[in-house]
Amino acid sequence: MPSLERARPAMRIDSVWRMVLRLGFRLARTWWYLRRPHHEGALVAIYVGRALLLVKSSYRAE
């Protein structure tokens, strides 16, 4: 079965990528937990004629 033999390396590559992504996500979460980066919020007002669109980020304290 040649198709099964070709699928095994692809399955190994997929499992390696899954492991790398899981480890990377855990490292990123740990870095964020230790550093607690300061976030700056944004408020945007767009006027189109007489219409007004306000966009406000959800992580801003005010």
PDB file of N, CA and C in Angstrom:
ATOM      1  N   MET A   1       0.824  -1.190   0.000  1.00  0.00           N
ATOM      2  CA  MET A   1       0.000   0.000   0.000  1.00  0.00           C
ATOM      3  C   MET A   1       0.868   1.253   0.000  1.00  0.00           C
ATOM      4  N   PRO A   2       1.128   1.799  -1.160  1.00  0.00           N
ATOM      5  CA  PRO A   2       1.974   2.986  -1.234  1.00  0.00           C
ATOM      6  C   PRO A   2       1.341   4.215  -0.599  1.00  0.00           C
ATOM      7  N   SER A   3       0.022   4.354  -0.608  1.00  0.00           N
ATOM      8  CA  SER A   3      -0.606   5.552  -0.044  1.00  0.00           C
ATOM      9  C   SER A   3      -0.444   5.589   1.475  1.00  0.00           C
ATOM     10  N   LEU A   4      -0.465   4.427   2.126  1.00  0.00           N
ATOM     11  CA  LEU A   4      -0.282   4.375   3.572  1.00  0.00           C
ATOM     12  C   LEU A   4       1.150   4.746   3.945  1.00  0.00           C
ATOM     13  N   GLU A   5       2.100   4.315   3.128  1.00  0.00           N
ATOM     14  CA  GLU A   5       3.501   4.638   3.389  1.00  0.00           C
ATOM     15  C   GLU A   5       3.767   6.131   3.234  1.00  0.00           C
ATOM     16  N   ARG A   6       3.073   6.775   2.310  1.00  0.00           N
ATOM     17  CA  ARG A   6       3.234   8.225   2.141  1.00  0.00           C
ATOM     18  C   ARG A   6       2.518   8.991   3.241  1.00  0.00           C
ATOM     19  N   ALA A   7       1.472   8.429   3.805  1.00  0.00           N
ATOM     20  CA  ALA A   7       0.704   9.121   4.834  1.00  0.00           C
ATOM     21  C   ALA A   7       1.435   9.132   6.169  1.00  0.00           C
ATOM     22  N   ARG A   8       2.255   8.133   6.448  1.00  0.00           N
ATOM     23  CA  ARG A   8       2.945   8.073   7.738  1.00  0.00           C
ATOM     24  C   ARG A   8       3.887   9.244   7.962  1.00  0.00           C
ATOM     25  N   PRO A   9       4.737   9.630   7.008  1.00  0.00           N
ATOM     26  CA  PRO A   9       5.579  10.816   7.249  1.00  0.00           C
ATOM     27  C   PRO A   9       4.753  12.085   7.450  1.00  0.00           C
ATOM     28  N   ALA A  10       3.651  12.199   6.719  1.00  0.00           N
ATOM     29  CA  ALA A  10       2.789  13.371   6.889  1.00  0.00           C
ATOM     30  C   ALA A  10       2.181  13.378   8.283  1.00  0.00           C
ATOM     31  N   MET A  11       1.807  12.201   8.789  1.00  0.00           N
ATOM     32  CA  MET A  11       1.251  12.126  10.138  1.00  0.00           C
ATOM     33  C   MET A  11       2.312  12.493  11.167  1.00  0.00           C
ATOM     34  N   ARG A  12       3.561  12.094  10.940  1.00  0.00           N
ATOM     35  CA  ARG A  12       4.647  12.454  11.859  1.00  0.00           C
ATOM     36  C   ARG A  12       4.884  13.958  11.849  1.00  0.00           C
ATOM     37  N   ILE A  13       4.878  14.546  10.657  1.00  0.00           N
ATOM     38  CA  ILE A  13       5.076  15.998  10.558  1.00  0.00           C
ATOM     39  C   ILE A  13       3.949  16.727  11.268  1.00  0.00           C
ATOM     40  N   ASP A  14       2.716  16.269  11.084  1.00  0.00           N
ATOM     41  CA  ASP A  14       1.580  16.891  11.757  1.00  0.00           C
ATOM     42  C   ASP A  14       1.713  16.790  13.273  1.00  0.00           C
ATOM     43  N   SER A  15       2.137  15.636  13.766  1.00  0.00           N
ATOM     44  CA  SER A  15       2.270  15.491  15.219  1.00  0.00           C
ATOM     45  C   SER A  15       3.397  16.364  15.758  1.00  0.00           C
ATOM     46  N   VAL A  16       4.474  16.508  14.989  1.00  0.00           N
ATOM     47  CA  VAL A  16       5.560  17.398  15.416  1.00  0.00           C
ATOM     48  C   VAL A  16       5.072  18.844  15.456  1.00  0.00           C
ATOM     49  N   TRP A  17       4.332  19.270  14.430  1.00  0.00           N
ATOM     50  CA  TRP A  17       3.803  20.637  14.414  1.00  0.00           C
ATOM     51  C   TRP A  17       2.850  20.866  15.576  1.00  0.00           C
ATOM     52  N   ARG A  18       1.993  19.896  15.880  1.00  0.00           N
ATOM     53  CA  ARG A  18       1.080  20.028  17.020  1.00  0.00           C
ATOM     54  C   ARG A  18       1.858  20.222  18.311  1.00  0.00           C
ATOM     55  N   MET A  19       2.922  19.431  18.493  1.00  0.00           N
ATOM     56  CA  MET A  19       3.730  19.529  19.699  1.00  0.00           C
ATOM     57  C   MET A  19       4.425  20.896  19.778  1.00  0.00           C
ATOM     58  N   VAL A  20       4.960  21.367  18.650  1.00  0.00           N
ATOM     59  CA  VAL A  20       5.628  22.669  18.624  1.00  0.00           C
ATOM     60  C   VAL A  20       4.644  23.789  18.955  1.00  0.00           C
ATOM     61  N   LEU A  21       3.461  23.742  18.374  1.00  0.00           N
ATOM     62  CA  LEU A  21       2.465  24.787  18.627  1.00  0.00           C
ATOM     63  C   LEU A  21       1.976  24.762  20.069  1.00  0.00           C
ATOM     64  N   ARG A  22       1.768  23.591  20.628  1.00  0.00           N
ATOM     65  CA  ARG A  22       1.362  23.500  22.034  1.00  0.00           C
ATOM     66  C   ARG A  22       2.432  24.060  22.952  1.00  0.00           C
ATOM     67  N   LEU A  23       3.690  23.715  22.694  1.00  0.00           N
ATOM     68  CA  LEU A  23       4.787  24.223  23.506  1.00  0.00           C
ATOM     69  C   LEU A  23       4.913  25.740  23.340  1.00  0.00           C
ATOM     70  N   GLY A  24       4.804  26.224  22.114  1.00  0.00           N
ATOM     71  CA  GLY A  24       4.883  27.662  21.870  1.00  0.00           C
ATOM     72  C   GLY A  24       3.769  28.421  22.561  1.00  0.00           C
ATOM     73  N   PHE A  25       2.560  27.867  22.551  1.00  0.00           N
ATOM     74  CA  PHE A  25       1.439  28.522  23.222  1.00  0.00           C
ATOM     75  C   PHE A  25       1.677  28.583  24.724  1.00  0.00           C
ATOM     76  N   ARG A  26       2.171  27.496  25.299  1.00  0.00           N
ATOM     77  CA  ARG A  26       2.458  27.491  26.737  1.00  0.00           C
ATOM     78  C   ARG A  26       3.553  28.485  27.088  1.00  0.00           C
ATOM     79  N   LEU A  27       4.580  28.564  26.256  1.00  0.00           N
ATOM     80  CA  LEU A  27       5.646  29.544  26.498  1.00  0.00           C
ATOM     81  C   LEU A  27       5.125  30.972  26.395  1.00  0.00           C
ATOM     82  N   ALA A  28       4.272  31.240  25.423  1.00  0.00           N
ATOM     83  CA  ALA A  28       3.707  32.580  25.265  1.00  0.00           C
ATOM     84  C   ALA A  28       2.831  32.942  26.459  1.00  0.00           C
ATOM     85  N   ARG A  29       2.022  31.999  26.935  1.00  0.00           N
ATOM     86  CA  ARG A  29       1.177  32.253  28.113  1.00  0.00           C
ATOM     87  C   ARG A  29       2.023  32.509  29.351  1.00  0.00           C
ATOM     88  N   THR A  30       3.104  31.746  29.511  1.00  0.00           N
ATOM     89  CA  THR A  30       3.988  31.936  30.660  1.00  0.00           C
ATOM     90  C   THR A  30       4.665  33.294  30.585  1.00  0.00           C
ATOM     91  N   TRP A  31       5.142  33.670  29.393  1.00  0.00           N
ATOM     92  CA  TRP A  31       5.764  34.979  29.229  1.00  0.00           C
ATOM     93  C   TRP A  31       4.787  36.089  29.570  1.00  0.00           C
ATOM     94  N   TRP A  32       3.550  35.984  29.091  1.00  0.00           N
ATOM     95  CA  TRP A  32       2.551  37.010  29.378  1.00  0.00           C
ATOM     96  C   TRP A  32       2.265  37.070  30.869  1.00  0.00           C
ATOM     97  N   TYR A  33       2.176  35.911  31.526  1.00  0.00           N
ATOM     98  CA  TYR A  33       1.887  35.878  32.956  1.00  0.00           C
ATOM     99  C   TYR A  33       3.008  36.537  33.751  1.00  0.00           C
ATOM    100  N   LEU A  34       4.261  36.321  33.364  1.00  0.00           N
ATOM    101  CA  LEU A  34       5.393  36.883  34.090  1.00  0.00           C
ATOM    102  C   LEU A  34       5.599  38.365  33.781  1.00  0.00           C
ATOM    103  N   ARG A  35       5.406  38.756  32.538  1.00  0.00           N
ATOM    104  CA  ARG A  35       5.683  40.127  32.125  1.00  0.00           C
ATOM    105  C   ARG A  35       4.500  41.069  32.320  1.00  0.00           C
ATOM    106  N   ARG A  36       3.299  40.573  32.152  1.00  0.00           N
ATOM    107  CA  ARG A  36       2.091  41.405  32.198  1.00  0.00           C
ATOM    108  C   ARG A  36       2.278  42.670  31.373  1.00  0.00           C
ATOM    109  N   PRO A  37       2.386  42.537  30.046  1.00  0.00           N
ATOM    110  CA  PRO A  37       2.650  43.720  29.218  1.00  0.00           C
ATOM    111  C   PRO A  37       1.545  44.765  29.346  1.00  0.00           C
ATOM    112  N   HIS A  38       1.949  46.012  29.320  1.00  0.00           N
ATOM    113  CA  HIS A  38       1.015  47.132  29.432  1.00  0.00           C
ATOM    114  C   HIS A  38       0.259  47.292  28.116  1.00  0.00           C
ATOM    115  N   HIS A  39      -1.051  47.354  28.191  1.00  0.00           N
ATOM    116  CA  HIS A  39      -1.866  47.514  26.987  1.00  0.00           C
ATOM    117  C   HIS A  39      -2.338  48.951  26.870  1.00  0.00           C
ATOM    118  N   GLU A  40      -2.293  49.456  25.691  1.00  0.00           N
ATOM    119  CA  GLU A  40      -2.852  50.764  25.374  1.00  0.00           C
ATOM    120  C   GLU A  40      -4.145  50.553  24.608  1.00  0.00           C
ATOM    121  N   GLY A  41      -5.183  51.229  24.993  1.00  0.00           N
ATOM    122  CA  GLY A  41      -6.461  51.092  24.312  1.00  0.00           C
ATOM    123  C   GLY A  41      -6.574  52.019  23.123  1.00  0.00           C
ATOM    124  N   ALA A  42      -7.645  51.877  22.389  1.00  0.00           N
ATOM    125  CA  ALA A  42      -7.864  52.725  21.217  1.00  0.00           C
ATOM    126  C   ALA A  42      -9.343  53.067  21.114  1.00  0.00           C
ATOM    127  N   LEU A  43      -9.606  54.283  20.729  1.00  0.00           N
ATOM    128  CA  LEU A  43     -10.958  54.737  20.455  1.00  0.00           C
ATOM    129  C   LEU A  43     -10.917  55.447  19.114  1.00  0.00           C
ATOM    130  N   VAL A  44     -11.745  55.006  18.187  1.00  0.00           N
ATOM    131  CA  VAL A  44     -11.713  55.535  16.827  1.00  0.00           C
ATOM    132  C   VAL A  44     -13.086  56.096  16.488  1.00  0.00           C
ATOM    133  N   ALA A  45     -13.106  57.282  15.923  1.00  0.00           N
ATOM    134  CA  ALA A  45     -14.339  57.903  15.443  1.00  0.00           C
ATOM    135  C   ALA A  45     -14.195  58.165  13.950  1.00  0.00           C
ATOM    136  N   ILE A  46     -15.137  57.655  13.179  1.00  0.00           N
ATOM    137  CA  ILE A  46     -15.098  57.829  11.724  1.00  0.00           C
ATOM    138  C   ILE A  46     -16.385  58.536  11.300  1.00  0.00           C
ATOM    139  N   TYR A  47     -16.203  59.663  10.647  1.00  0.00           N
ATOM    140  CA  TYR A  47     -17.335  60.418  10.128  1.00  0.00           C
ATOM    141  C   TYR A  47     -17.469  60.156   8.638  1.00  0.00           C
ATOM    142  N   VAL A  48     -18.684  59.828   8.194  1.00  0.00           N
ATOM    143  CA  VAL A  48     -18.995  59.692   6.778  1.00  0.00           C
ATOM    144  C   VAL A  48     -20.260  60.517   6.561  1.00  0.00           C
ATOM    145  N   GLY A  49     -20.059  61.715   6.026  1.00  0.00           N
ATOM    146  CA  GLY A  49     -21.196  62.622   5.881  1.00  0.00           C
ATOM    147  C   GLY A  49     -21.707  63.017   7.258  1.00  0.00           C
ATOM    148  N   ARG A  50     -22.977  62.734   7.513  1.00  0.00           N
ATOM    149  CA  ARG A  50     -23.554  63.033   8.823  1.00  0.00           C
ATOM    150  C   ARG A  50     -23.566  61.813   9.733  1.00  0.00           C
ATOM    151  N   ALA A  51     -23.112  60.661   9.222  1.00  0.00           N
ATOM    152  CA  ALA A  51     -23.086  59.432  10.017  1.00  0.00           C
ATOM    153  C   ALA A  51     -21.789  59.354  10.816  1.00  0.00           C
ATOM    154  N   LEU A  52     -21.860  58.744  11.984  1.00  0.00           N
ATOM    155  CA  LEU A  52     -20.706  58.605  12.866  1.00  0.00           C
ATOM    156  C   LEU A  52     -20.573  57.152  13.292  1.00  0.00           C
ATOM    157  N   LEU A  53     -19.372  56.604  13.162  1.00  0.00           N
ATOM    158  CA  LEU A  53     -19.079  55.247  13.603  1.00  0.00           C
ATOM    159  C   LEU A  53     -18.040  55.330  14.708  1.00  0.00           C
ATOM    160  N   LEU A  54     -18.363  54.809  15.896  1.00  0.00           N
ATOM    161  CA  LEU A  54     -17.416  54.773  17.008  1.00  0.00           C
ATOM    162  C   LEU A  54     -16.968  53.339  17.228  1.00  0.00           C
ATOM    163  N   VAL A  55     -15.656  53.150  17.340  1.00  0.00           N
ATOM    164  CA  VAL A  55     -15.083  51.834  17.593  1.00  0.00           C
ATOM    165  C   VAL A  55     -14.249  51.951  18.855  1.00  0.00           C
ATOM    166  N   LYS A  56     -14.550  51.099  19.837  1.00  0.00           N
ATOM    167  CA  LYS A  56     -13.826  51.148  21.108  1.00  0.00           C
ATOM    168  C   LYS A  56     -13.331  49.751  21.422  1.00  0.00           C
ATOM    169  N   SER A  57     -12.051  49.632  21.812  1.00  0.00           N
ATOM    170  CA  SER A  57     -11.514  48.326  22.164  1.00  0.00           C
ATOM    171  C   SER A  57     -12.101  47.861  23.497  1.00  0.00           C
ATOM    172  N   SER A  58     -12.190  46.564  23.681  1.00  0.00           N
ATOM    173  CA  SER A  58     -12.847  46.036  24.867  1.00  0.00           C
ATOM    174  C   SER A  58     -11.917  45.921  26.061  1.00  0.00           C
ATOM    175  N   TYR A  59     -10.602  46.076  25.892  1.00  0.00           N
ATOM    176  CA  TYR A  59      -9.673  45.892  26.998  1.00  0.00           C
ATOM    177  C   TYR A  59      -9.266  47.211  27.639  1.00  0.00           C
ATOM    178  N   ARG A  60      -9.925  48.273  27.308  1.00  0.00           N
ATOM    179  CA  ARG A  60      -9.604  49.573  27.871  1.00  0.00           C
ATOM    180  C   ARG A  60     -10.390  49.792  29.170  1.00  0.00           C
ATOM    181  N   ALA A  61      -9.755  50.336  30.192  1.00  0.00           N
ATOM    182  CA  ALA A  61     -10.394  50.503  31.492  1.00  0.00           C
ATOM    183  C   ALA A  61     -11.435  51.607  31.514  1.00  0.00           C
ATOM    184  N   GLU A  62     -11.230  52.699  30.760  1.00  0.00           N
ATOM    185  CA  GLU A  62     -12.185  53.817  30.786  1.00  0.00           C
ATOM    186  C   GLU A  62     -13.396  53.515  29.951  1.00  0.00           C
TER     187      GLU A  62
END
